[in-house]
Amino acid sequence: MDGSQPLWPTVDPDLPPAIAEPEPAEARRSVGSAHAAPPAHRRLPVAVALLVVAMLGVVGGAGIGSAVQTLRAVDGVALPAGTASQPATGWELPPTSTVAPVRQVLLLADHPLLAAGVALPATTCRLTRFRRDVPSLRLYYSGLMDCLDATWHPVLIGAAVPASSPSINLAEHPGNTGCGNPEERSGDFTALYCPADETLYLPVDRLKEVDGGRASSHLAILAHEYGHHVQELSGLLLAASEQLDDVGADTPAGREVSRRIELQANCFAGLFLAAVAGRGAVTRGLADQAVADFRNGGLSDTHGSRTHQAGWARTGYRGGTTAACNTWSAAPDEVS
């Protein structure tokens, strides 16, 4: 049913604080040699903390604009990422002297990331062959995260917001995370993103229960969860959680805010899939199927109807720029 436990990605407003204050320097990853870490913000109330629990399928970050050997840690194991995925446009990091100060921007509809004309670069994903055993999935996720980094980082840096790579944890029972123990709050989850430790929690066995044996489901889920990472880095997620703090998470207005968060992550996933479709390991047919898999979402109260979940993914897939994903300026009936 539409309101059942989602088959994959989400933000749970009832989980513990997503952003701690003030964090020790080592608690947050650097955004790269050209940038400083974003300023710490106040701790969020427990009622509006955002931990992003998945509803559908799964995805893998090397350097941008270069084809170098690199390592990504999955479950704390350093894996060779192979030849890095890179934008087809040959994008390069601008000189340090021209880079605006990097910071989270606490805006929603008027956020600079959503400005008209901000497009994701066409990117070629270098992925291992999709197989469903755990070692193969680790490598597949690692390569897919490389591709997500290569596609999103130029856009984030261009908007002068932080750009960093999330970690991946494939444990079936991760226990205490930076957002607390999700199983104590939400029971079995299919996938989630924790903003506090910038980690994607992807219990492989549960993901395989809902993937239909298809790579597309995994692509859709991780593209969605990485969308939450983009929201976190940019400041969209913190701005949304402050709005939740004002209206109350467990109210009609609060649930609408949650839907705007989730549907935007679907749209961001669609943008990514459009940027990589028909290049490298992501064929046009695979990308089309990944977008279609968003129709399998649940938790309509906080994530939107299945029609809107699939619709916003298609909007990103066809929209061309981040402006298409401005769920914050959409009418209430477009995020119901």
Protein backbone atom coordinates (compact mmCIF):
# COMPACT_ATOMS: atom_id res chain seq x y z
CA MET A 1 0.00 0.00 0.00
CA ASP A 2 1.04 3.62 -0.56
CA GLY A 3 1.37 4.31 3.15
CA SER A 4 3.30 1.15 4.03
CA GLN A 5 6.95 0.88 5.04
CA PRO A 6 8.87 2.29 2.08
CA LEU A 7 10.66 -0.09 -0.20
CA TRP A 8 13.65 2.30 -0.13
CA PRO A 9 15.01 6.04 0.62
CA THR A 10 13.76 8.67 3.38
CA VAL A 11 14.33 11.36 6.10
CA ASP A 12 12.91 10.47 9.50
CA PRO A 13 12.13 13.66 11.47
CA ASP A 14 11.84 11.71 14.71
CA LEU A 15 15.45 10.58 14.86
CA PRO A 16 18.16 12.26 16.97
CA PRO A 17 19.94 15.50 16.01
CA ALA A 18 21.40 15.56 12.55
CA ILE A 19 23.89 18.35 13.16
CA ALA A 20 25.86 18.73 16.36
CA GLU A 21 27.21 21.96 17.73
CA PRO A 22 29.99 22.84 17.92
CA GLU A 23 31.76 19.87 16.33
CA PRO A 24 35.45 19.09 16.89
CA ALA A 25 37.48 19.70 13.75
CA GLU A 26 38.06 15.99 13.17
CA ALA A 27 34.37 15.20 13.36
CA ARG A 28 33.65 16.64 9.92
CA ARG A 29 35.47 15.80 6.69
CA SER A 30 37.34 18.55 4.89
CA VAL A 31 35.77 19.83 1.71
CA GLY A 32 39.07 19.75 -0.12
CA SER A 33 42.33 21.64 -0.16
CA ALA A 34 40.78 24.68 -1.82
CA HIS A 35 38.04 25.07 0.78
CA ALA A 36 37.54 25.35 4.50
CA ALA A 37 35.04 23.29 6.44
CA PRO A 38 31.61 24.89 6.81
CA PRO A 39 30.80 26.64 10.09
CA ALA A 40 29.12 24.60 12.80
CA HIS A 41 25.44 25.29 13.47
CA ARG A 42 23.37 24.89 16.57
CA ARG A 43 22.23 21.43 17.60
CA LEU A 44 18.81 20.60 16.21
CA PRO A 45 15.97 19.59 18.51
CA VAL A 46 15.34 15.86 18.60
CA ALA A 47 11.88 16.35 17.10
CA VAL A 48 13.24 17.80 13.87
CA ALA A 49 16.46 15.82 13.43
CA LEU A 50 16.71 14.44 9.91
CA LEU A 51 17.95 10.94 9.26
CA VAL A 52 17.21 9.81 5.75
CA VAL A 53 15.71 6.28 5.53
CA ALA A 54 15.41 4.68 2.09
CA MET A 55 12.32 3.53 0.21
CA LEU A 56 13.54 1.85 -3.05
CA GLY A 57 16.92 0.61 -4.56
CA VAL A 58 21.13 1.52 -4.14
CA VAL A 59 24.75 3.49 -5.53
CA GLY A 60 29.33 4.45 -5.43
CA GLY A 61 33.81 9.10 -5.28
CA ALA A 62 37.00 9.73 -6.86
CA GLY A 63 38.59 12.93 -7.98
CA ILE A 64 36.84 15.25 -10.39
CA GLY A 65 38.13 15.88 -13.89
CA SER A 66 40.96 13.36 -13.66
CA ALA A 67 41.45 9.69 -14.39
CA VAL A 68 43.52 8.68 -11.40
CA GLN A 69 43.59 5.62 -9.20
CA THR A 70 41.94 6.32 -5.88
CA LEU A 71 40.53 4.55 -2.82
CA ARG A 72 37.10 4.68 -1.22
CA ALA A 73 36.27 3.16 2.13
CA VAL A 74 33.22 0.91 2.21
CA ASP A 75 32.58 -0.58 5.64
CA GLY A 76 35.96 0.82 6.60
CA VAL A 77 37.69 -1.22 3.88
CA ALA A 78 39.69 0.79 1.34
CA LEU A 79 38.70 -0.31 -2.13
CA PRO A 80 40.32 0.63 -5.43
CA ALA A 81 37.85 2.83 -7.27
CA GLY A 82 39.48 2.14 -10.63
CA THR A 83 39.56 4.85 -13.27
CA ALA A 84 37.61 7.72 -11.81
CA SER A 85 34.30 8.67 -13.32
CA GLN A 86 34.55 12.14 -14.75
CA PRO A 87 32.40 14.81 -16.33
CA ALA A 88 32.44 14.55 -20.10
CA THR A 89 32.89 18.33 -20.22
CA GLY A 90 36.39 18.14 -18.71
CA TRP A 91 35.39 20.35 -15.77
CA GLU A 92 38.27 21.41 -13.50
CA LEU A 93 38.35 22.99 -10.06
CA PRO A 94 38.69 26.79 -10.45
CA PRO A 95 41.81 28.49 -9.03
CA THR A 96 41.67 29.06 -5.29
CA SER A 97 41.76 32.84 -5.77
CA THR A 98 38.45 32.77 -7.66
CA VAL A 99 36.55 30.49 -5.29
CA ALA A 100 33.89 32.20 -3.18
CA PRO A 101 33.83 31.45 0.57
CA VAL A 102 32.39 27.98 1.11
CA ARG A 103 29.44 27.81 3.46
CA GLN A 104 26.06 26.25 3.96
CA VAL A 105 23.26 28.56 2.82
CA LEU A 106 20.16 28.33 5.01
CA LEU A 107 17.57 29.08 2.35
CA LEU A 108 14.93 26.94 0.64
CA ALA A 109 13.05 28.27 -2.40
CA ASP A 110 15.67 30.99 -2.92
CA HIS A 111 18.71 28.76 -2.45
CA PRO A 112 21.53 29.48 -4.95
CA LEU A 113 21.81 25.78 -5.77
CA LEU A 114 18.31 25.99 -7.23
CA ALA A 115 19.06 29.04 -9.38
CA ALA A 116 18.03 28.77 -13.02
CA GLY A 117 20.62 27.28 -15.32
CA VAL A 118 22.56 25.18 -12.80
CA ALA A 119 23.02 21.96 -14.76
CA LEU A 120 24.84 18.75 -13.79
CA PRO A 121 27.71 17.93 -16.16
CA ALA A 122 27.35 14.94 -18.48
CA THR A 123 29.40 12.25 -16.74
CA THR A 124 30.68 8.80 -17.70
CA CYS A 125 30.29 6.25 -14.89
CA ARG A 126 33.04 3.63 -14.60
CA LEU A 127 31.36 0.74 -12.78
CA THR A 128 32.21 -2.87 -12.17
CA ARG A 129 29.80 -5.49 -13.48
CA PHE A 130 26.62 -5.60 -11.38
CA ARG A 131 26.45 -8.74 -9.27
CA ARG A 132 24.50 -9.22 -6.06
CA ASP A 133 27.07 -10.86 -3.79
CA VAL A 134 28.38 -8.54 -1.10
CA PRO A 135 32.00 -8.16 -2.34
CA SER A 136 30.75 -7.30 -5.82
CA LEU A 137 28.21 -4.84 -4.47
CA ARG A 138 30.91 -3.11 -2.41
CA LEU A 139 32.90 -2.47 -5.58
CA TYR A 140 29.79 -1.48 -7.55
CA TYR A 141 28.71 1.00 -4.87
CA SER A 142 32.22 2.42 -4.67
CA GLY A 143 32.32 3.11 -8.39
CA LEU A 144 28.81 4.53 -8.38
CA MET A 145 29.67 6.88 -5.54
CA ASP A 146 32.69 8.03 -7.53
CA CYS A 147 30.30 8.89 -10.34
CA LEU A 148 27.90 10.74 -8.03
CA ASP A 149 30.80 12.77 -6.63
CA ALA A 150 32.10 13.60 -10.10
CA THR A 151 28.63 14.70 -11.20
CA TRP A 152 27.56 16.72 -8.15
CA HIS A 153 30.81 18.25 -6.87
CA PRO A 154 31.21 20.73 -9.76
CA VAL A 155 27.67 21.99 -9.12
CA LEU A 156 28.21 22.32 -5.37
CA ILE A 157 31.53 24.10 -5.79
CA GLY A 158 30.00 26.37 -8.40
CA ALA A 159 27.34 27.35 -5.86
CA ALA A 160 30.08 27.98 -3.24
CA VAL A 161 28.74 25.35 -0.87
CA PRO A 162 30.75 22.45 0.63
CA ALA A 163 31.60 19.43 -1.51
CA SER A 164 32.61 16.20 0.23
CA SER A 165 32.15 12.48 -0.26
CA PRO A 166 29.86 10.49 2.05
CA SER A 167 30.93 7.25 3.65
CA ILE A 168 29.14 3.93 3.07
CA ASN A 169 28.17 1.32 5.65
CA LEU A 170 26.64 -1.98 4.50
CA ALA A 171 25.97 -3.50 7.93
CA GLU A 172 22.56 -5.10 8.38
CA HIS A 173 22.47 -3.77 11.96
CA PRO A 174 24.71 -0.67 12.14
CA GLY A 175 23.92 0.02 15.79
CA ASN A 176 24.64 3.55 16.97
CA THR A 177 25.24 6.00 14.16
CA GLY A 178 25.80 9.73 14.26
CA CYS A 179 21.99 9.92 14.28
CA GLY A 180 21.50 7.34 17.02
CA ASN A 181 20.27 3.78 16.48
CA PRO A 182 17.77 3.91 13.59
CA GLU A 183 16.38 0.43 14.30
CA GLU A 184 15.30 1.54 17.76
CA ARG A 185 13.29 4.36 16.20
CA SER A 186 12.19 3.03 12.82
CA GLY A 187 12.61 -0.75 12.97
CA ASP A 188 14.07 -2.44 9.93
CA PHE A 189 15.09 0.15 7.36
CA THR A 190 15.99 -0.42 3.74
CA ALA A 191 18.52 2.39 3.41
CA LEU A 192 19.22 5.71 5.10
CA TYR A 193 21.45 8.76 5.09
CA CYS A 194 22.67 10.23 8.37
CA PRO A 195 23.66 13.91 8.06
CA ALA A 196 25.56 13.93 11.36
CA ASP A 197 28.21 11.49 10.14
CA GLU A 198 27.57 11.96 6.39
CA THR A 199 27.16 8.23 5.91
CA LEU A 200 24.88 6.17 3.70
CA TYR A 201 23.68 3.11 5.61
CA LEU A 202 22.83 0.38 3.09
CA PRO A 203 21.93 -3.02 4.62
CA VAL A 204 22.62 -5.16 1.56
CA ASP A 205 20.41 -8.11 2.52
CA ARG A 206 17.35 -5.87 2.89
CA LEU A 207 18.12 -4.05 -0.34
CA LYS A 208 18.27 -7.34 -2.20
CA GLU A 209 14.82 -8.21 -0.85
CA VAL A 210 13.32 -5.29 -2.79
CA ASP A 211 15.58 -4.88 -5.83
CA GLY A 212 13.89 -7.43 -8.08
CA GLY A 213 17.38 -8.58 -9.05
CA ARG A 214 17.91 -5.33 -10.97
CA ALA A 215 20.77 -2.84 -10.86
CA SER A 216 18.26 -0.06 -11.52
CA SER A 217 16.83 -0.27 -8.01
CA HIS A 218 20.29 0.19 -6.52
CA LEU A 219 20.95 3.15 -8.80
CA ALA A 220 17.70 4.78 -7.77
CA ILE A 221 18.23 4.31 -4.04
CA LEU A 222 21.74 5.62 -3.86
CA ALA A 223 21.02 8.50 -6.18
CA HIS A 224 18.17 9.44 -3.81
CA GLU A 225 20.28 9.06 -0.66
CA TYR A 226 23.08 11.08 -2.26
CA GLY A 227 20.42 13.70 -2.96
CA HIS A 228 20.00 14.01 0.80
CA HIS A 229 23.79 14.41 1.07
CA VAL A 230 23.55 17.29 -1.41
CA GLN A 231 20.78 18.81 0.73
CA GLU A 232 22.96 18.46 3.82
CA LEU A 233 26.10 19.98 2.27
CA SER A 234 24.23 22.90 0.72
CA GLY A 235 22.28 23.86 3.85
CA LEU A 236 18.88 22.92 2.41
CA LEU A 237 18.45 20.13 4.95
CA LEU A 238 19.29 22.35 7.92
CA ALA A 239 16.98 25.11 6.67
CA ALA A 240 14.20 22.54 6.27
CA SER A 241 14.78 21.14 9.74
CA GLU A 242 14.55 24.65 11.20
CA GLN A 243 11.22 25.02 9.44
CA LEU A 244 10.15 21.70 10.95
CA ASP A 245 11.20 23.05 14.33
CA ASP A 246 8.86 26.01 13.83
CA VAL A 247 5.78 24.08 12.68
CA GLY A 248 6.29 20.76 14.50
CA ALA A 249 7.30 17.55 12.73
CA ASP A 250 4.13 15.64 13.60
CA THR A 251 1.70 18.18 12.17
CA PRO A 252 0.16 18.54 8.70
CA ALA A 253 2.57 21.42 7.99
CA GLY A 254 5.51 19.39 9.26
CA ARG A 255 4.62 16.40 7.13
CA GLU A 256 4.42 18.67 4.10
CA VAL A 257 7.96 19.88 4.83
CA SER A 258 9.08 16.24 5.01
CA ARG A 259 7.47 15.54 1.65
CA ARG A 260 9.22 18.53 0.09
CA ILE A 261 12.54 17.19 1.40
CA GLU A 262 11.96 13.68 0.08
CA LEU A 263 10.54 14.68 -3.29
CA GLN A 264 13.46 17.00 -3.87
CA ALA A 265 15.85 14.11 -3.22
CA ASN A 266 13.92 12.11 -5.84
CA CYS A 267 14.28 15.00 -8.28
CA PHE A 268 18.01 15.31 -7.56
CA ALA A 269 18.30 11.59 -8.28
CA GLY A 270 16.57 12.16 -11.61
CA LEU A 271 19.04 14.95 -12.46
CA PHE A 272 21.95 12.60 -11.78
CA LEU A 273 20.45 9.79 -13.84
CA ALA A 274 19.95 12.16 -16.77
CA ALA A 275 23.58 13.31 -16.53
CA VAL A 276 24.95 9.74 -16.77
CA ALA A 277 22.34 8.10 -19.02
CA GLY A 278 23.77 6.52 -22.16
CA ARG A 279 27.40 6.89 -21.02
CA GLY A 280 29.77 4.28 -19.68
CA ALA A 281 28.11 1.62 -17.55
CA VAL A 282 24.75 3.41 -17.29
CA THR A 283 22.82 2.72 -20.47
CA ARG A 284 19.80 4.80 -21.40
CA GLY A 285 17.57 1.81 -20.66
CA LEU A 286 19.11 1.31 -17.21
CA ALA A 287 18.63 4.99 -16.35
CA ASP A 288 15.04 4.92 -17.62
CA GLN A 289 14.29 1.90 -15.42
CA ALA A 290 15.90 3.52 -12.38
CA VAL A 291 13.64 6.54 -12.78
CA ALA A 292 10.62 4.27 -13.19
CA ASP A 293 11.55 2.43 -9.96
CA PHE A 294 10.61 5.52 -7.95
CA ARG A 295 6.98 4.50 -8.41
CA ASN A 296 7.66 1.80 -5.77
CA GLY A 297 8.01 4.28 -2.92
CA GLY A 298 5.86 4.16 0.20
CA LEU A 299 5.19 6.28 3.32
CA SER A 300 2.96 8.64 1.39
CA ASP A 301 2.29 10.83 4.44
CA THR A 302 5.92 11.96 4.70
CA HIS A 303 7.21 11.10 1.22
CA GLY A 304 4.34 11.92 -1.08
CA SER A 305 2.02 9.74 -3.12
CA ARG A 306 3.58 7.19 -5.41
CA THR A 307 2.44 9.33 -8.32
CA HIS A 308 4.36 12.33 -6.99
CA GLN A 309 7.39 10.28 -5.97
CA ALA A 310 7.73 9.00 -9.52
CA GLY A 311 6.71 12.35 -10.96
CA TRP A 312 9.43 14.36 -9.23
CA ALA A 313 12.05 11.81 -10.27
CA ARG A 314 10.88 12.26 -13.87
CA THR A 315 10.93 16.04 -13.43
CA GLY A 316 14.62 15.89 -12.56
CA TYR A 317 15.29 13.41 -15.35
CA ARG A 318 13.69 15.70 -17.92
CA GLY A 319 14.21 19.08 -16.28
CA GLY A 320 17.83 19.72 -17.12
CA THR A 321 18.77 21.98 -14.18
CA THR A 322 18.46 22.09 -10.41
CA ALA A 323 15.77 24.77 -10.79
CA ALA A 324 13.41 21.98 -11.85
CA CYS A 325 13.83 20.47 -8.36
CA ASN A 326 12.58 23.46 -6.37
CA THR A 327 9.95 21.61 -4.37
CA TRP A 328 9.97 24.55 -1.94
CA SER A 329 8.20 26.81 -4.44
CA ALA A 330 5.77 24.11 -5.60
CA ALA A 331 2.07 24.33 -4.76
CA PRO A 332 0.92 22.09 -1.89
CA ASP A 333 -1.03 19.83 -4.26
CA GLU A 334 2.19 19.12 -6.17
CA VAL A 335 3.85 17.67 -3.07
CA SER A 336 0.91 15.79 -1.58
